[in-house]
Structure formats: C-alpha cells, structure tokens
Amino acid sequence: MPYDTNADLPPSVRDNLPDAAQTIYRKAFNSAWEQYEDPADRRGDASREETAHRVAWSAVKGSYEKRDGHWRKKD
C-alpha cells in the first residue's frame, strides 16, 4: 500500500500538511512499509500499515510542528 504521489495520501494528511511535509510523510511511510514487513519487527500487535503511519508522523514531527492549528516548518 505504498503511496506513489502525495495526491494518493489519506485526506487526513493531504488536508493538513504543507506539500513539503506531505513528501516527508510519503517517503517515510513507504520506507517503513518495506522495513516492517515482518510482524516480528513491529511493536506489539501493530499492523504493518499502523506502524508505517506512526513512523511517517514521527518523521514529519522532526521538521514540522503544529502551531495555531496549522503545521509549520520548525524554526
């Protein structure tokens, strides 16, 4: 279920993150999707998709933060 383009991302991502943050999300998700194929590599009983989404949000939060209700690049 990797995402080919930012337009393929879930609405919750597309409608909230700036374009550059969407790209970070997409690339991190796709990488995690491959990395966590084996259930033994995931925490607890998390699904592959859930794990990939968590990794993607973590990657976004490394460079962006939510301020005043909007995601903005960290200073």
PDB file of N, CA and C in Angstrom:
ATOM      1  N   MET A   1       0.799  -1.188   0.000  1.00  0.00           N
ATOM      2  CA  MET A   1       0.000   0.000   0.000  1.00  0.00           C
ATOM      3  C   MET A   1       0.849   1.263   0.000  1.00  0.00           C
ATOM      4  N   PRO A   2       2.062   1.220  -0.461  1.00  0.00           N
ATOM      5  CA  PRO A   2       2.860   2.442  -0.547  1.00  0.00           C
ATOM      6  C   PRO A   2       2.155   3.491  -1.409  1.00  0.00           C
ATOM      7  N   TYR A   3       2.509   4.729  -1.186  1.00  0.00           N
ATOM      8  CA  TYR A   3       1.893   5.847  -1.903  1.00  0.00           C
ATOM      9  C   TYR A   3       2.831   6.326  -3.004  1.00  0.00           C
ATOM     10  N   ASP A   4       2.323   6.392  -4.234  1.00  0.00           N
ATOM     11  CA  ASP A   4       3.137   6.825  -5.374  1.00  0.00           C
ATOM     12  C   ASP A   4       3.327   8.335  -5.406  1.00  0.00           C
ATOM     13  N   THR A   5       2.280   9.067  -5.060  1.00  0.00           N
ATOM     14  CA  THR A   5       2.333  10.529  -5.093  1.00  0.00           C
ATOM     15  C   THR A   5       1.665  11.083  -3.837  1.00  0.00           C
ATOM     16  N   ASN A   6       1.885  12.356  -3.575  1.00  0.00           N
ATOM     17  CA  ASN A   6       1.230  12.994  -2.427  1.00  0.00           C
ATOM     18  C   ASN A   6      -0.289  12.992  -2.587  1.00  0.00           C
ATOM     19  N   ALA A   7      -0.772  13.038  -3.815  1.00  0.00           N
ATOM     20  CA  ALA A   7      -2.213  13.017  -4.067  1.00  0.00           C
ATOM     21  C   ALA A   7      -2.851  11.708  -3.609  1.00  0.00           C
ATOM     22  N   ASP A   8      -2.041  10.668  -3.471  1.00  0.00           N
ATOM     23  CA  ASP A   8      -2.542   9.359  -3.033  1.00  0.00           C
ATOM     24  C   ASP A   8      -2.650   9.240  -1.514  1.00  0.00           C
ATOM     25  N   LEU A   9      -2.072  10.188  -0.788  1.00  0.00           N
ATOM     26  CA  LEU A   9      -2.080  10.133   0.680  1.00  0.00           C
ATOM     27  C   LEU A   9      -3.497  10.245   1.221  1.00  0.00           C
ATOM     28  N   PRO A  10      -3.734   9.758   2.430  1.00  0.00           N
ATOM     29  CA  PRO A  10      -5.064   9.879   3.036  1.00  0.00           C
ATOM     30  C   PRO A  10      -5.452  11.354   3.195  1.00  0.00           C
ATOM     31  N   PRO A  11      -6.743  11.653   3.120  1.00  0.00           N
ATOM     32  CA  PRO A  11      -7.193  13.041   3.275  1.00  0.00           C
ATOM     33  C   PRO A  11      -6.709  13.699   4.569  1.00  0.00           C
ATOM     34  N   SER A  12      -6.603  12.928   5.637  1.00  0.00           N
ATOM     35  CA  SER A  12      -6.151  13.499   6.910  1.00  0.00           C
ATOM     36  C   SER A  12      -4.724  14.040   6.819  1.00  0.00           C
ATOM     37  N   VAL A  13      -3.954  13.518   5.908  1.00  0.00           N
ATOM     38  CA  VAL A  13      -2.592  14.006   5.688  1.00  0.00           C
ATOM     39  C   VAL A  13      -2.618  15.133   4.653  1.00  0.00           C
ATOM     40  N   ARG A  14      -3.240  14.882   3.514  1.00  0.00           N
ATOM     41  CA  ARG A  14      -3.296  15.870   2.426  1.00  0.00           C
ATOM     42  C   ARG A  14      -3.919  17.187   2.865  1.00  0.00           C
ATOM     43  N   ASP A  15      -4.969  17.101   3.649  1.00  0.00           N
ATOM     44  CA  ASP A  15      -5.723  18.301   4.022  1.00  0.00           C
ATOM     45  C   ASP A  15      -5.093  19.088   5.166  1.00  0.00           C
ATOM     46  N   ASN A  16      -4.066  18.547   5.794  1.00  0.00           N
ATOM     47  CA  ASN A  16      -3.492  19.211   6.960  1.00  0.00           C
ATOM     48  C   ASN A  16      -2.031  19.608   6.810  1.00  0.00           C
ATOM     49  N   LEU A  17      -1.263  18.851   6.050  1.00  0.00           N
ATOM     50  CA  LEU A  17       0.173  19.118   5.960  1.00  0.00           C
ATOM     51  C   LEU A  17       0.516  19.926   4.712  1.00  0.00           C
ATOM     52  N   PRO A  18       1.504  20.828   4.829  1.00  0.00           N
ATOM     53  CA  PRO A  18       2.013  21.512   3.633  1.00  0.00           C
ATOM     54  C   PRO A  18       2.627  20.490   2.674  1.00  0.00           C
ATOM     55  N   ASP A  19       2.804  20.868   1.425  1.00  0.00           N
ATOM     56  CA  ASP A  19       3.310  19.946   0.404  1.00  0.00           C
ATOM     57  C   ASP A  19       4.632  19.289   0.792  1.00  0.00           C
ATOM     58  N   ALA A  20       5.569  20.077   1.283  1.00  0.00           N
ATOM     59  CA  ALA A  20       6.883  19.519   1.637  1.00  0.00           C
ATOM     60  C   ALA A  20       6.756  18.493   2.763  1.00  0.00           C
ATOM     61  N   ALA A  21       5.879  18.754   3.714  1.00  0.00           N
ATOM     62  CA  ALA A  21       5.659  17.809   4.813  1.00  0.00           C
ATOM     63  C   ALA A  21       4.958  16.545   4.309  1.00  0.00           C
ATOM     64  N   GLN A  22       4.093  16.705   3.325  1.00  0.00           N
ATOM     65  CA  GLN A  22       3.441  15.537   2.729  1.00  0.00           C
ATOM     66  C   GLN A  22       4.478  14.628   2.073  1.00  0.00           C
ATOM     67  N   THR A  23       5.463  15.230   1.434  1.00  0.00           N
ATOM     68  CA  THR A  23       6.513  14.450   0.790  1.00  0.00           C
ATOM     69  C   THR A  23       7.323  13.689   1.836  1.00  0.00           C
ATOM     70  N   ILE A  24       7.647  14.348   2.939  1.00  0.00           N
ATOM     71  CA  ILE A  24       8.353  13.670   4.041  1.00  0.00           C
ATOM     72  C   ILE A  24       7.516  12.492   4.524  1.00  0.00           C
ATOM     73  N   TYR A  25       6.230  12.732   4.730  1.00  0.00           N
ATOM     74  CA  TYR A  25       5.322  11.690   5.215  1.00  0.00           C
ATOM     75  C   TYR A  25       5.313  10.508   4.250  1.00  0.00           C
ATOM     76  N   ARG A  26       5.130  10.805   2.969  1.00  0.00           N
ATOM     77  CA  ARG A  26       5.030   9.745   1.958  1.00  0.00           C
ATOM     78  C   ARG A  26       6.307   8.907   1.894  1.00  0.00           C
ATOM     79  N   LYS A  27       7.450   9.565   1.878  1.00  0.00           N
ATOM     80  CA  LYS A  27       8.713   8.833   1.788  1.00  0.00           C
ATOM     81  C   LYS A  27       8.963   7.995   3.043  1.00  0.00           C
ATOM     82  N   ALA A  28       8.656   8.555   4.200  1.00  0.00           N
ATOM     83  CA  ALA A  28       8.846   7.809   5.452  1.00  0.00           C
ATOM     84  C   ALA A  28       7.878   6.627   5.525  1.00  0.00           C
ATOM     85  N   PHE A  29       6.637   6.844   5.121  1.00  0.00           N
ATOM     86  CA  PHE A  29       5.649   5.763   5.128  1.00  0.00           C
ATOM     87  C   PHE A  29       6.123   4.625   4.225  1.00  0.00           C
ATOM     88  N   ASN A  30       6.525   4.969   3.000  1.00  0.00           N
ATOM     89  CA  ASN A  30       6.935   3.940   2.040  1.00  0.00           C
ATOM     90  C   ASN A  30       8.152   3.167   2.532  1.00  0.00           C
ATOM     91  N   SER A  31       9.087   3.865   3.150  1.00  0.00           N
ATOM     92  CA  SER A  31      10.269   3.201   3.695  1.00  0.00           C
ATOM     93  C   SER A  31       9.889   2.256   4.836  1.00  0.00           C
ATOM     94  N   ALA A  32       9.048   2.730   5.736  1.00  0.00           N
ATOM     95  CA  ALA A  32       8.614   1.909   6.867  1.00  0.00           C
ATOM     96  C   ALA A  32       7.772   0.725   6.388  1.00  0.00           C
ATOM     97  N   TRP A  33       6.992   0.935   5.338  1.00  0.00           N
ATOM     98  CA  TRP A  33       6.179  -0.149   4.787  1.00  0.00           C
ATOM     99  C   TRP A  33       7.078  -1.325   4.386  1.00  0.00           C
ATOM    100  N   GLU A  34       8.205  -1.004   3.787  1.00  0.00           N
ATOM    101  CA  GLU A  34       9.152  -2.048   3.394  1.00  0.00           C
ATOM    102  C   GLU A  34       9.890  -2.610   4.608  1.00  0.00           C
ATOM    103  N   GLN A  35      10.332  -1.725   5.481  1.00  0.00           N
ATOM    104  CA  GLN A  35      11.146  -2.135   6.628  1.00  0.00           C
ATOM    105  C   GLN A  35      10.394  -3.031   7.600  1.00  0.00           C
ATOM    106  N   TYR A  36       9.109  -2.784   7.798  1.00  0.00           N
ATOM    107  CA  TYR A  36       8.342  -3.516   8.812  1.00  0.00           C
ATOM    108  C   TYR A  36       7.399  -4.553   8.210  1.00  0.00           C
ATOM    109  N   GLU A  37       7.824  -5.165   7.122  1.00  0.00           N
ATOM    110  CA  GLU A  37       7.008  -6.210   6.500  1.00  0.00           C
ATOM    111  C   GLU A  37       6.826  -7.398   7.444  1.00  0.00           C
ATOM    112  N   ASP A  38       7.879  -7.757   8.152  1.00  0.00           N
ATOM    113  CA  ASP A  38       7.846  -8.893   9.075  1.00  0.00           C
ATOM    114  C   ASP A  38       7.196  -8.464  10.396  1.00  0.00           C
ATOM    115  N   PRO A  39       6.113  -9.118  10.801  1.00  0.00           N
ATOM    116  CA  PRO A  39       5.448  -8.758  12.062  1.00  0.00           C
ATOM    117  C   PRO A  39       6.369  -8.798  13.273  1.00  0.00           C
ATOM    118  N   ALA A  40       7.399  -9.601  13.235  1.00  0.00           N
ATOM    119  CA  ALA A  40       8.329  -9.694  14.368  1.00  0.00           C
ATOM    120  C   ALA A  40       9.115  -8.398  14.557  1.00  0.00           C
ATOM    121  N   ASP A  41       9.168  -7.576  13.520  1.00  0.00           N
ATOM    122  CA  ASP A  41       9.904  -6.315  13.593  1.00  0.00           C
ATOM    123  C   ASP A  41       9.052  -5.168  14.143  1.00  0.00           C
ATOM    124  N   ARG A  42       7.763  -5.416  14.342  1.00  0.00           N
ATOM    125  CA  ARG A  42       6.842  -4.374  14.828  1.00  0.00           C
ATOM    126  C   ARG A  42       6.620  -4.504  16.315  1.00  0.00           C
ATOM    127  N   ARG A  43       6.178  -3.434  16.925  1.00  0.00           N
ATOM    128  CA  ARG A  43       5.877  -3.451  18.365  1.00  0.00           C
ATOM    129  C   ARG A  43       4.491  -4.030  18.610  1.00  0.00           C
ATOM    130  N   GLY A  44       4.405  -4.879  19.591  1.00  0.00           N
ATOM    131  CA  GLY A  44       3.113  -5.446  19.979  1.00  0.00           C
ATOM    132  C   GLY A  44       2.412  -6.101  18.809  1.00  0.00           C
ATOM    133  N   ASP A  45       1.122  -5.831  18.708  1.00  0.00           N
ATOM    134  CA  ASP A  45       0.334  -6.420  17.624  1.00  0.00           C
ATOM    135  C   ASP A  45      -0.022  -5.380  16.563  1.00  0.00           C
ATOM    136  N   ALA A  46       0.786  -4.332  16.442  1.00  0.00           N
ATOM    137  CA  ALA A  46       0.531  -3.278  15.465  1.00  0.00           C
ATOM    138  C   ALA A  46       0.600  -3.844  14.048  1.00  0.00           C
ATOM    139  N   SER A  47      -0.305  -3.382  13.205  1.00  0.00           N
ATOM    140  CA  SER A  47      -0.300  -3.812  11.810  1.00  0.00           C
ATOM    141  C   SER A  47       0.824  -3.109  11.060  1.00  0.00           C
ATOM    142  N   ARG A  48       1.120  -3.629   9.912  1.00  0.00           N
ATOM    143  CA  ARG A  48       2.154  -3.025   9.069  1.00  0.00           C
ATOM    144  C   ARG A  48       1.762  -1.584   8.714  1.00  0.00           C
ATOM    145  N   GLU A  49       0.498  -1.385   8.365  1.00  0.00           N
ATOM    146  CA  GLU A  49       0.017  -0.050   7.996  1.00  0.00           C
ATOM    147  C   GLU A  49       0.088   0.914   9.178  1.00  0.00           C
ATOM    148  N   GLU A  50      -0.361   0.462  10.338  1.00  0.00           N
ATOM    149  CA  GLU A  50      -0.325   1.305  11.536  1.00  0.00           C
ATOM    150  C   GLU A  50       1.109   1.715  11.868  1.00  0.00           C
ATOM    151  N   THR A  51       2.014   0.778  11.782  1.00  0.00           N
ATOM    152  CA  THR A  51       3.419   1.060  12.067  1.00  0.00           C
ATOM    153  C   THR A  51       3.970   2.077  11.075  1.00  0.00           C
ATOM    154  N   ALA A  52       3.671   1.903   9.805  1.00  0.00           N
ATOM    155  CA  ALA A  52       4.166   2.824   8.778  1.00  0.00           C
ATOM    156  C   ALA A  52       3.616   4.232   8.994  1.00  0.00           C
ATOM    157  N   HIS A  53       2.350   4.353   9.374  1.00  0.00           N
ATOM    158  CA  HIS A  53       1.767   5.673   9.644  1.00  0.00           C
ATOM    159  C   HIS A  53       2.436   6.320  10.859  1.00  0.00           C
ATOM    160  N   ARG A  54       2.711   5.544  11.878  1.00  0.00           N
ATOM    161  CA  ARG A  54       3.385   6.094  13.070  1.00  0.00           C
ATOM    162  C   ARG A  54       4.778   6.613  12.723  1.00  0.00           C
ATOM    163  N   VAL A  55       5.502   5.845  11.941  1.00  0.00           N
ATOM    164  CA  VAL A  55       6.839   6.261  11.517  1.00  0.00           C
ATOM    165  C   VAL A  55       6.747   7.538  10.676  1.00  0.00           C
ATOM    166  N   ALA A  56       5.777   7.592   9.788  1.00  0.00           N
ATOM    167  CA  ALA A  56       5.619   8.762   8.914  1.00  0.00           C
ATOM    168  C   ALA A  56       5.313  10.020   9.727  1.00  0.00           C
ATOM    169  N   TRP A  57       4.400   9.927  10.687  1.00  0.00           N
ATOM    170  CA  TRP A  57       4.092  11.092  11.520  1.00  0.00           C
ATOM    171  C   TRP A  57       5.303  11.517  12.333  1.00  0.00           C
ATOM    172  N   SER A  58       6.055  10.565  12.811  1.00  0.00           N
ATOM    173  CA  SER A  58       7.267  10.882  13.566  1.00  0.00           C
ATOM    174  C   SER A  58       8.262  11.635  12.688  1.00  0.00           C
ATOM    175  N   ALA A  59       8.399  11.217  11.451  1.00  0.00           N
ATOM    176  CA  ALA A  59       9.311  11.886  10.523  1.00  0.00           C
ATOM    177  C   ALA A  59       8.867  13.327  10.271  1.00  0.00           C
ATOM    178  N   VAL A  60       7.578  13.532  10.110  1.00  0.00           N
ATOM    179  CA  VAL A  60       7.057  14.891   9.894  1.00  0.00           C
ATOM    180  C   VAL A  60       7.345  15.754  11.115  1.00  0.00           C
ATOM    181  N   LYS A  61       7.110  15.201  12.298  1.00  0.00           N
ATOM    182  CA  LYS A  61       7.291  15.975  13.530  1.00  0.00           C
ATOM    183  C   LYS A  61       8.750  16.336  13.786  1.00  0.00           C
ATOM    184  N   GLY A  62       9.672  15.710  13.069  1.00  0.00           N
ATOM    185  CA  GLY A  62      11.068  16.071  13.184  1.00  0.00           C
ATOM    186  C   GLY A  62      11.368  17.429  12.564  1.00  0.00           C
ATOM    187  N   SER A  63      10.584  17.819  11.570  1.00  0.00           N
ATOM    188  CA  SER A  63      10.821  19.077  10.856  1.00  0.00           C
ATOM    189  C   SER A  63       9.668  20.066  10.947  1.00  0.00           C
ATOM    190  N   TYR A  64       8.499  19.585  11.340  1.00  0.00           N
ATOM    191  CA  TYR A  64       7.311  20.437  11.394  1.00  0.00           C
ATOM    192  C   TYR A  64       6.664  20.353  12.766  1.00  0.00           C
ATOM    193  N   GLU A  65       5.939  21.410  13.100  1.00  0.00           N
ATOM    194  CA  GLU A  65       5.181  21.421  14.345  1.00  0.00           C
ATOM    195  C   GLU A  65       3.842  22.085  14.083  1.00  0.00           C
ATOM    196  N   LYS A  66       2.869  21.722  14.892  1.00  0.00           N
ATOM    197  CA  LYS A  66       1.545  22.301  14.754  1.00  0.00           C
ATOM    198  C   LYS A  66       1.460  23.523  15.656  1.00  0.00           C
ATOM    199  N   ARG A  67       1.276  24.691  15.028  1.00  0.00           N
ATOM    200  CA  ARG A  67       1.145  25.941  15.774  1.00  0.00           C
ATOM    201  C   ARG A  67      -0.104  26.659  15.303  1.00  0.00           C
ATOM    202  N   ASP A  68      -0.879  27.127  16.247  1.00  0.00           N
ATOM    203  CA  ASP A  68      -2.114  27.855  15.918  1.00  0.00           C
ATOM    204  C   ASP A  68      -2.999  27.058  14.959  1.00  0.00           C
ATOM    205  N   GLY A  69      -3.013  25.751  15.144  1.00  0.00           N
ATOM    206  CA  GLY A  69      -3.888  24.896  14.349  1.00  0.00           C
ATOM    207  C   GLY A  69      -3.361  24.540  12.977  1.00  0.00           C
ATOM    208  N   HIS A  70      -2.130  24.950  12.644  1.00  0.00           N
ATOM    209  CA  HIS A  70      -1.562  24.673  11.320  1.00  0.00           C
ATOM    210  C   HIS A  70      -0.166  24.086  11.465  1.00  0.00           C
ATOM    211  N   TRP A  71       0.176  23.181  10.559  1.00  0.00           N
ATOM    212  CA  TRP A  71       1.517  22.601  10.532  1.00  0.00           C
ATOM    213  C   TRP A  71       2.461  23.569   9.863  1.00  0.00           C
ATOM    214  N   ARG A  72       3.553  23.898  10.564  1.00  0.00           N
ATOM    215  CA  ARG A  72       4.551  24.842  10.047  1.00  0.00           C
ATOM    216  C   ARG A  72       5.938  24.264  10.262  1.00  0.00           C
ATOM    217  N   LYS A  73       6.852  24.638   9.368  1.00  0.00           N
ATOM    218  CA  LYS A  73       8.241  24.205   9.478  1.00  0.00           C
ATOM    219  C   LYS A  73       8.815  24.766  10.768  1.00  0.00           C
ATOM    220  N   LYS A  74       9.573  23.933  11.488  1.00  0.00           N
ATOM    221  CA  LYS A  74      10.197  24.385  12.721  1.00  0.00           C
ATOM    222  C   LYS A  74      11.251  25.440  12.408  1.00  0.00           C
ATOM    223  N   ASP A  75      11.409  26.366  13.327  1.00  0.00           N
ATOM    224  CA  ASP A  75      12.419  27.429  13.154  1.00  0.00           C
ATOM    225  C   ASP A  75      13.810  26.894  13.347  1.00  0.00           C
TER     226      ASP A  75
END
